[in-house]
Protein backbone atom coordinates (compact mmCIF):
# COMPACT_ATOMS: atom_id res chain seq x y z
CA UNK A 1 37.88 37.46 -13.96
CA UNK A 2 41.68 37.49 -14.29
CA UNK A 3 41.77 33.67 -14.64
CA UNK A 4 39.03 33.81 -17.28
CA UNK A 5 41.03 36.37 -19.33
CA UNK A 6 44.20 34.28 -19.01
CA UNK A 7 42.31 31.12 -20.08
CA UNK A 8 40.74 32.97 -23.05
CA UNK A 9 44.19 34.16 -24.04
CA UNK A 10 45.65 30.67 -23.86
CA UNK A 11 42.79 29.22 -25.90
CA UNK A 12 42.86 31.86 -28.63
CA UNK A 13 46.67 31.73 -28.99
CA UNK A 14 46.44 28.03 -29.80
CA UNK A 15 43.79 28.41 -32.51
CA UNK A 16 43.93 28.84 -36.23
CA UNK A 17 41.93 31.65 -37.90
CA UNK A 18 38.84 29.49 -38.60
CA UNK A 19 38.60 28.28 -35.02
CA UNK A 20 39.36 31.73 -33.66
CA UNK A 21 36.44 33.24 -35.54
CA UNK A 22 34.22 30.37 -34.30
CA UNK A 23 34.85 31.36 -30.66
CA UNK A 24 35.71 35.06 -30.87
CA UNK A 25 32.23 36.10 -29.78
CA UNK A 26 32.12 33.80 -26.74
CA UNK A 27 31.87 35.72 -23.49
CA UNK A 28 34.11 33.48 -21.35
CA UNK A 29 36.70 30.73 -21.53
CA UNK A 30 34.23 27.99 -20.56
CA UNK A 31 31.94 28.92 -23.46
CA UNK A 32 34.96 28.99 -25.82
CA UNK A 33 36.01 25.52 -24.61
CA UNK A 34 32.49 24.08 -24.88
CA UNK A 35 32.13 25.44 -28.38
CA UNK A 36 35.46 23.96 -29.52
CA UNK A 37 34.70 20.66 -27.83
CA UNK A 38 31.32 20.37 -29.52
CA UNK A 39 32.78 21.34 -32.89
CA UNK A 40 35.63 18.78 -32.75
CA UNK A 41 34.06 15.96 -30.80
CA UNK A 42 30.40 16.37 -31.47
CA UNK A 43 27.53 15.49 -29.16
CA UNK A 44 27.17 12.15 -27.38
CA UNK A 45 24.80 10.92 -30.09
CA UNK A 46 27.24 11.92 -32.86
CA UNK A 47 30.12 10.13 -31.06
CA UNK A 48 27.99 7.02 -30.60
CA UNK A 49 27.08 7.06 -34.30
CA UNK A 50 30.77 7.49 -35.27
CA UNK A 51 31.78 4.58 -33.06
CA UNK A 52 29.06 2.38 -34.54
CA UNK A 53 30.03 3.29 -38.09
CA UNK A 54 33.73 2.76 -37.51
CA UNK A 55 33.15 -0.47 -35.65
CA UNK A 56 31.16 -1.71 -38.62
CA UNK A 57 34.05 -0.70 -40.94
CA UNK A 58 36.46 -2.54 -38.60
CA UNK A 59 34.33 -5.67 -38.58
CA UNK A 60 34.04 -5.72 -42.40
CA UNK A 61 37.62 -4.73 -43.05
CA UNK A 62 39.30 -6.64 -45.89
CA UNK A 63 42.32 -6.12 -48.07
CA UNK A 64 41.23 -4.59 -51.38
CA UNK A 65 42.09 -6.18 -54.72
CA UNK A 66 45.48 -4.95 -55.96
CA UNK A 67 46.14 -3.20 -52.64
CA UNK A 68 49.60 -3.50 -51.14
CA UNK A 69 50.25 -4.31 -47.49
CA UNK A 70 51.30 -0.78 -46.63
CA UNK A 71 48.10 0.78 -47.99
CA UNK A 72 46.01 -1.81 -46.22
CA UNK A 73 47.85 -1.31 -42.91
CA UNK A 74 47.43 2.48 -43.24
CA UNK A 75 43.66 2.15 -43.76
CA UNK A 76 43.41 -0.27 -40.86
CA UNK A 77 45.42 1.96 -38.54
CA UNK A 78 43.30 4.97 -39.40
CA UNK A 79 40.11 3.08 -38.41
CA UNK A 80 41.66 1.72 -35.20
CA UNK A 81 43.15 5.12 -34.22
CA UNK A 82 39.87 6.92 -34.91
CA UNK A 83 38.02 4.39 -32.74
CA UNK A 84 40.64 4.78 -30.00
CA UNK A 85 40.18 8.59 -30.06
CA UNK A 86 36.47 8.00 -29.44
CA UNK A 87 37.18 5.64 -26.52
CA UNK A 88 36.82 2.23 -28.21
CA UNK A 89 39.98 0.10 -28.12
CA UNK A 90 40.89 -3.47 -28.94
CA UNK A 91 43.52 -5.76 -27.40
CA UNK A 92 46.66 -6.08 -29.57
CA UNK A 93 46.05 -9.77 -30.05
CA UNK A 94 42.61 -8.98 -31.61
CA UNK A 95 44.18 -6.41 -33.93
CA UNK A 96 46.90 -8.79 -35.09
CA UNK A 97 44.40 -11.62 -35.70
CA UNK A 98 42.11 -9.23 -37.62
CA UNK A 99 44.94 -8.13 -39.91
CA UNK A 100 46.03 -11.72 -40.53
CA UNK A 101 42.48 -12.80 -41.35
CA UNK A 102 41.89 -9.97 -43.84
CA UNK A 103 45.04 -10.47 -45.94
CA UNK A 104 44.44 -11.59 -49.50
CA UNK A 105 45.50 -15.09 -50.41
CA UNK A 106 47.90 -13.87 -53.12
């Protein structure tokens, strides 16, 4: 019971108000953790769907008309980082080749 109270204290001290209210009625630290995990990561089906959507975005990625290199790189990095956070990564060589292929001819 003491470990549970300590864990609940640690979890709640790291939360903002919105997240605190989301877990404030949980009876133990495990329930708090599971609620936060589900809220932020989603279910397995949701994760799979996100990975599929982001992979599709990655595959179709192109530099937009009138877009500068910095903006394009930022968009690309966001997609790649989001995929990495969901467990899907690409070798650096593939990422470099992808960026080079999607540059506009201008």
